[in-house]
Amino acid sequence: GHIKSFCIHCGSALPNLQMDGALLV
C-alpha cells in the first residue's frame, strides 16, 4: 500500500489513486 506514481522519462512523482480509487494522493 506504499504507492508511488512517477513519469517514466524524468522520474517525477505524480498523483495516484489508492484504496480502490477512494483516495487521491
PDB file of all heavy atoms in Angstrom:
ATOM      1  N   GLY A   1       0.811  -1.212   0.000  1.00  0.00           N
ATOM      2  CA  GLY A   1       0.000   0.000   0.000  1.00  0.00           C
ATOM      3  C   GLY A   1       0.842   1.258   0.000  1.00  0.00           C
ATOM      4  O   GLY A   1       0.316   2.360  -0.091  1.00  0.00           O
ATOM      5  N   HIS A   2       2.170   1.102   0.101  1.00  0.00           N
ATOM      6  CA  HIS A   2       3.045   2.274  -0.078  1.00  0.00           C
ATOM      7  C   HIS A   2       3.194   2.433  -1.584  1.00  0.00           C
ATOM      8  O   HIS A   2       3.925   1.685  -2.241  1.00  0.00           O
ATOM      9  CB  HIS A   2       4.406   2.084   0.585  1.00  0.00           C
ATOM     10  CG  HIS A   2       5.280   3.286   0.387  1.00  0.00           C
ATOM     11  ND1 HIS A   2       5.214   4.368   1.221  1.00  0.00           N
ATOM     12  CD2 HIS A   2       6.164   3.589  -0.575  1.00  0.00           C
ATOM     13  CE1 HIS A   2       6.054   5.291   0.779  1.00  0.00           C
ATOM     14  NE2 HIS A   2       6.643   4.846  -0.310  1.00  0.00           N
ATOM     15  N   ILE A   3       2.455   3.408  -2.135  1.00  0.00           N
ATOM     16  CA  ILE A   3       2.317   3.553  -3.577  1.00  0.00           C
ATOM     17  C   ILE A   3       2.940   4.859  -4.049  1.00  0.00           C
ATOM     18  O   ILE A   3       2.760   5.903  -3.410  1.00  0.00           O
ATOM     19  CB  ILE A   3       0.827   3.494  -3.962  1.00  0.00           C
ATOM     20  CG1 ILE A   3       0.267   2.114  -3.592  1.00  0.00           C
ATOM     21  CG2 ILE A   3       0.619   3.794  -5.433  1.00  0.00           C
ATOM     22  CD1 ILE A   3      -1.238   2.023  -3.673  1.00  0.00           C
ATOM     23  N   LYS A   4       3.644   4.769  -5.165  1.00  0.00           N
ATOM     24  CA  LYS A   4       4.212   5.967  -5.786  1.00  0.00           C
ATOM     25  C   LYS A   4       3.989   5.872  -7.287  1.00  0.00           C
ATOM     26  O   LYS A   4       4.302   4.855  -7.901  1.00  0.00           O
ATOM     27  CB  LYS A   4       5.703   6.073  -5.501  1.00  0.00           C
ATOM     28  CG  LYS A   4       6.337   7.273  -6.190  1.00  0.00           C
ATOM     29  CD  LYS A   4       7.820   7.380  -5.934  1.00  0.00           C
ATOM     30  CE  LYS A   4       8.364   8.616  -6.599  1.00  0.00           C
ATOM     31  NZ  LYS A   4       9.727   8.911  -6.219  1.00  0.00           N
ATOM     32  N   SER A   5       3.456   6.947  -7.870  1.00  0.00           N
ATOM     33  CA  SER A   5       3.356   7.042  -9.326  1.00  0.00           C
ATOM     34  C   SER A   5       4.396   8.041  -9.791  1.00  0.00           C
ATOM     35  O   SER A   5       4.721   8.999  -9.081  1.00  0.00           O
ATOM     36  CB  SER A   5       1.957   7.489  -9.741  1.00  0.00           C
ATOM     37  OG  SER A   5       1.029   6.462  -9.474  1.00  0.00           O
ATOM     38  N   PHE A   6       4.927   7.820 -11.003  1.00  0.00           N
ATOM     39  CA  PHE A   6       6.023   8.652 -11.483  1.00  0.00           C
ATOM     40  C   PHE A   6       6.060   8.656 -13.006  1.00  0.00           C
ATOM     41  O   PHE A   6       5.545   7.750 -13.662  1.00  0.00           O
ATOM     42  CB  PHE A   6       7.362   8.152 -10.929  1.00  0.00           C
ATOM     43  CG  PHE A   6       7.636   6.710 -11.262  1.00  0.00           C
ATOM     44  CD1 PHE A   6       8.375   6.366 -12.383  1.00  0.00           C
ATOM     45  CD2 PHE A   6       7.131   5.695 -10.463  1.00  0.00           C
ATOM     46  CE1 PHE A   6       8.610   5.037 -12.704  1.00  0.00           C
ATOM     47  CE2 PHE A   6       7.360   4.357 -10.773  1.00  0.00           C
ATOM     48  CZ  PHE A   6       8.099   4.027 -11.900  1.00  0.00           C
ATOM     49  N   CYS A   7       6.711   9.678 -13.560  1.00  0.00           N
ATOM     50  CA  CYS A   7       6.939   9.781 -15.001  1.00  0.00           C
ATOM     51  C   CYS A   7       8.091   8.853 -15.373  1.00  0.00           C
ATOM     52  O   CYS A   7       9.142   8.871 -14.724  1.00  0.00           O
ATOM     53  CB  CYS A   7       7.282  11.226 -15.360  1.00  0.00           C
ATOM     54  SG  CYS A   7       7.841  11.432 -17.076  1.00  0.00           S
ATOM     55  N   ILE A   8       7.898   8.049 -16.421  1.00  0.00           N
ATOM     56  CA  ILE A   8       8.950   7.111 -16.831  1.00  0.00           C
ATOM     57  C   ILE A   8      10.143   7.810 -17.479  1.00  0.00           C
ATOM     58  O   ILE A   8      11.217   7.220 -17.608  1.00  0.00           O
ATOM     59  CB  ILE A   8       8.414   6.021 -17.782  1.00  0.00           C
ATOM     60  CG1 ILE A   8       7.878   6.623 -19.077  1.00  0.00           C
ATOM     61  CG2 ILE A   8       7.388   5.163 -17.079  1.00  0.00           C
ATOM     62  CD1 ILE A   8       7.544   5.593 -20.155  1.00  0.00           C
ATOM     63  N   HIS A   9       9.989   9.071 -17.864  1.00  0.00           N
ATOM     64  CA  HIS A   9      11.084   9.797 -18.513  1.00  0.00           C
ATOM     65  C   HIS A   9      11.966  10.548 -17.518  1.00  0.00           C
ATOM     66  O   HIS A   9      13.184  10.511 -17.633  1.00  0.00           O
ATOM     67  CB  HIS A   9      10.535  10.775 -19.556  1.00  0.00           C
ATOM     68  CG  HIS A   9       9.752  10.093 -20.625  1.00  0.00           C
ATOM     69  ND1 HIS A   9      10.328   9.367 -21.637  1.00  0.00           N
ATOM     70  CD2 HIS A   9       8.419  10.000 -20.811  1.00  0.00           C
ATOM     71  CE1 HIS A   9       9.395   8.863 -22.416  1.00  0.00           C
ATOM     72  NE2 HIS A   9       8.217   9.229 -21.940  1.00  0.00           N
ATOM     73  N   CYS A  10      11.342  11.249 -16.561  1.00  0.00           N
ATOM     74  CA  CYS A  10      12.138  12.068 -15.646  1.00  0.00           C
ATOM     75  C   CYS A  10      12.060  11.621 -14.188  1.00  0.00           C
ATOM     76  O   CYS A  10      12.803  12.127 -13.356  1.00  0.00           O
ATOM     77  CB  CYS A  10      11.732  13.539 -15.758  1.00  0.00           C
ATOM     78  SG  CYS A  10      10.046  13.896 -15.228  1.00  0.00           S
ATOM     79  N   GLY A  11      11.172  10.686 -13.874  1.00  0.00           N
ATOM     80  CA  GLY A  11      11.079  10.161 -12.514  1.00  0.00           C
ATOM     81  C   GLY A  11      10.279  11.008 -11.545  1.00  0.00           C
ATOM     82  O   GLY A  11      10.172  10.668 -10.373  1.00  0.00           O
ATOM     83  N   SER A  12       9.713  12.114 -12.018  1.00  0.00           N
ATOM     84  CA  SER A  12       8.945  12.989 -11.124  1.00  0.00           C
ATOM     85  C   SER A  12       7.768  12.253 -10.502  1.00  0.00           C
ATOM     86  O   SER A  12       7.083  11.475 -11.161  1.00  0.00           O
ATOM     87  CB  SER A  12       8.384  14.191 -11.905  1.00  0.00           C
ATOM     88  OG  SER A  12       9.413  14.999 -12.378  1.00  0.00           O
ATOM     89  N   ALA A  13       7.531  12.522  -9.221  1.00  0.00           N
ATOM     90  CA  ALA A  13       6.385  11.953  -8.513  1.00  0.00           C
ATOM     91  C   ALA A  13       5.093  12.562  -9.052  1.00  0.00           C
ATOM     92  O   ALA A  13       5.022  13.759  -9.331  1.00  0.00           O
ATOM     93  CB  ALA A  13       6.503  12.244  -7.018  1.00  0.00           C
ATOM     94  N   LEU A  14       4.083  11.707  -9.201  1.00  0.00           N
ATOM     95  CA  LEU A  14       2.806  12.125  -9.770  1.00  0.00           C
ATOM     96  C   LEU A  14       1.651  11.580  -8.936  1.00  0.00           C
ATOM     97  O   LEU A  14       1.833  10.656  -8.149  1.00  0.00           O
ATOM     98  CB  LEU A  14       2.700  11.625 -11.217  1.00  0.00           C
ATOM     99  CG  LEU A  14       3.696  12.255 -12.193  1.00  0.00           C
ATOM    100  CD1 LEU A  14       3.739  11.468 -13.494  1.00  0.00           C
ATOM    101  CD2 LEU A  14       3.343  13.719 -12.449  1.00  0.00           C
ATOM    102  N   PRO A  15       0.455  12.123  -9.118  1.00  0.00           N
ATOM    103  CA  PRO A  15      -0.704  11.667  -8.342  1.00  0.00           C
ATOM    104  C   PRO A  15      -1.049  10.205  -8.614  1.00  0.00           C
ATOM    105  O   PRO A  15      -0.716   9.653  -9.663  1.00  0.00           O
ATOM    106  CB  PRO A  15      -1.850  12.562  -8.840  1.00  0.00           C
ATOM    107  CG  PRO A  15      -1.200  13.722  -9.476  1.00  0.00           C
ATOM    108  CD  PRO A  15       0.103  13.228 -10.016  1.00  0.00           C
ATOM    109  N   ASN A  16      -1.727   9.612  -7.654  1.00  0.00           N
ATOM    110  CA  ASN A  16      -2.226   8.255  -7.820  1.00  0.00           C
ATOM    111  C   ASN A  16      -3.478   8.058  -6.982  1.00  0.00           C
ATOM    112  O   ASN A  16      -3.738   8.805  -6.052  1.00  0.00           O
ATOM    113  CB  ASN A  16      -1.151   7.224  -7.474  1.00  0.00           C
ATOM    114  CG  ASN A  16      -0.724   7.298  -6.030  1.00  0.00           C
ATOM    115  OD1 ASN A  16      -1.446   6.883  -5.134  1.00  0.00           O
ATOM    116  ND2 ASN A  16       0.467   7.838  -5.803  1.00  0.00           N
ATOM    117  N   LEU A  17      -4.215   7.037  -7.361  1.00  0.00           N
ATOM    118  CA  LEU A  17      -5.416   6.652  -6.621  1.00  0.00           C
ATOM    119  C   LEU A  17      -5.084   5.451  -5.754  1.00  0.00           C
ATOM    120  O   LEU A  17      -4.416   4.521  -6.204  1.00  0.00           O
ATOM    121  CB  LEU A  17      -6.554   6.312  -7.581  1.00  0.00           C
ATOM    122  CG  LEU A  17      -7.117   7.509  -8.349  1.00  0.00           C
ATOM    123  CD1 LEU A  17      -8.047   7.033  -9.455  1.00  0.00           C
ATOM    124  CD2 LEU A  17      -7.849   8.457  -7.410  1.00  0.00           C
ATOM    125  N   GLN A  18      -5.540   5.497  -4.514  1.00  0.00           N
ATOM    126  CA  GLN A  18      -5.304   4.412  -3.571  1.00  0.00           C
ATOM    127  C   GLN A  18      -6.626   3.965  -2.967  1.00  0.00           C
ATOM    128  O   GLN A  18      -7.662   4.590  -3.186  1.00  0.00           O
ATOM    129  CB  GLN A  18      -4.334   4.873  -2.477  1.00  0.00           C
ATOM    130  CG  GLN A  18      -2.983   5.280  -3.033  1.00  0.00           C
ATOM    131  CD  GLN A  18      -1.970   5.651  -1.967  1.00  0.00           C
ATOM    132  OE1 GLN A  18      -2.115   5.339  -0.795  1.00  0.00           O
ATOM    133  NE2 GLN A  18      -0.916   6.330  -2.387  1.00  0.00           N
ATOM    134  N   MET A  19      -6.580   2.887  -2.207  1.00  0.00           N
ATOM    135  CA  MET A  19      -7.762   2.344  -1.524  1.00  0.00           C
ATOM    136  C   MET A  19      -8.896   2.099  -2.514  1.00  0.00           C
ATOM    137  O   MET A  19     -10.005   2.601  -2.349  1.00  0.00           O
ATOM    138  CB  MET A  19      -8.193   3.269  -0.389  1.00  0.00           C
ATOM    139  CG  MET A  19      -7.114   3.469   0.668  1.00  0.00           C
ATOM    140  SD  MET A  19      -7.482   4.747   1.882  1.00  0.00           S
ATOM    141  CE  MET A  19      -8.991   4.127   2.595  1.00  0.00           C
ATOM    142  N   ASP A  20      -8.569   1.365  -3.587  1.00  0.00           N
ATOM    143  CA  ASP A  20      -9.540   1.032  -4.643  1.00  0.00           C
ATOM    144  C   ASP A  20     -10.200   2.269  -5.238  1.00  0.00           C
ATOM    145  O   ASP A  20     -11.392   2.274  -5.542  1.00  0.00           O
ATOM    146  CB  ASP A  20     -10.609   0.063  -4.116  1.00  0.00           C
ATOM    147  CG  ASP A  20     -10.029  -1.292  -3.769  1.00  0.00           C
ATOM    148  OD1 ASP A  20      -9.127  -1.758  -4.499  1.00  0.00           O
ATOM    149  OD2 ASP A  20     -10.477  -1.891  -2.774  1.00  0.00           O
ATOM    150  N   GLY A  21      -9.414   3.334  -5.395  1.00  0.00           N
ATOM    151  CA  GLY A  21      -9.905   4.554  -6.021  1.00  0.00           C
ATOM    152  C   GLY A  21     -10.605   5.517  -5.084  1.00  0.00           C
ATOM    153  O   GLY A  21     -11.051   6.587  -5.507  1.00  0.00           O
ATOM    154  N   ALA A  22     -10.689   5.181  -3.801  1.00  0.00           N
ATOM    155  CA  ALA A  22     -11.400   6.037  -2.840  1.00  0.00           C
ATOM    156  C   ALA A  22     -10.569   7.227  -2.377  1.00  0.00           C
ATOM    157  O   ALA A  22     -11.105   8.202  -1.851  1.00  0.00           O
ATOM    158  CB  ALA A  22     -11.843   5.224  -1.627  1.00  0.00           C
ATOM    159  N   LEU A  23      -9.245   7.172  -2.564  1.00  0.00           N
ATOM    160  CA  LEU A  23      -8.372   8.228  -2.059  1.00  0.00           C
ATOM    161  C   LEU A  23      -7.412   8.687  -3.148  1.00  0.00           C
ATOM    162  O   LEU A  23      -6.656   7.880  -3.709  1.00  0.00           O
ATOM    163  CB  LEU A  23      -7.563   7.722  -0.859  1.00  0.00           C
ATOM    164  CG  LEU A  23      -6.671   8.736  -0.174  1.00  0.00           C
ATOM    165  CD1 LEU A  23      -7.510   9.845   0.479  1.00  0.00           C
ATOM    166  CD2 LEU A  23      -5.797   8.054   0.865  1.00  0.00           C
ATOM    167  N   LEU A  24      -7.433   9.971  -3.439  1.00  0.00           N
ATOM    168  CA  LEU A  24      -6.491  10.579  -4.376  1.00  0.00           C
ATOM    169  C   LEU A  24      -5.333  11.144  -3.570  1.00  0.00           C
ATOM    170  O   LEU A  24      -5.541  11.901  -2.621  1.00  0.00           O
ATOM    171  CB  LEU A  24      -7.167  11.694  -5.173  1.00  0.00           C
ATOM    172  CG  LEU A  24      -6.266  12.522  -6.091  1.00  0.00           C
ATOM    173  CD1 LEU A  24      -5.625  11.652  -7.175  1.00  0.00           C
ATOM    174  CD2 LEU A  24      -7.045  13.672  -6.701  1.00  0.00           C
ATOM    175  N   VAL A  25      -4.116  10.756  -3.947  1.00  0.00           N
ATOM    176  CA  VAL A  25      -2.901  11.240  -3.298  1.00  0.00           C
ATOM    177  C   VAL A  25      -2.120  12.054  -4.322  1.00  0.00           C
ATOM    178  O   VAL A  25      -1.784  11.553  -5.390  1.00  0.00           O
ATOM    179  CB  VAL A  25      -2.044  10.072  -2.759  1.00  0.00           C
ATOM    180  CG1 VAL A  25      -0.787  10.597  -2.085  1.00  0.00           C
ATOM    181  CG2 VAL A  25      -2.857   9.211  -1.801  1.00  0.00           C
TER     182      VAL A  25
END
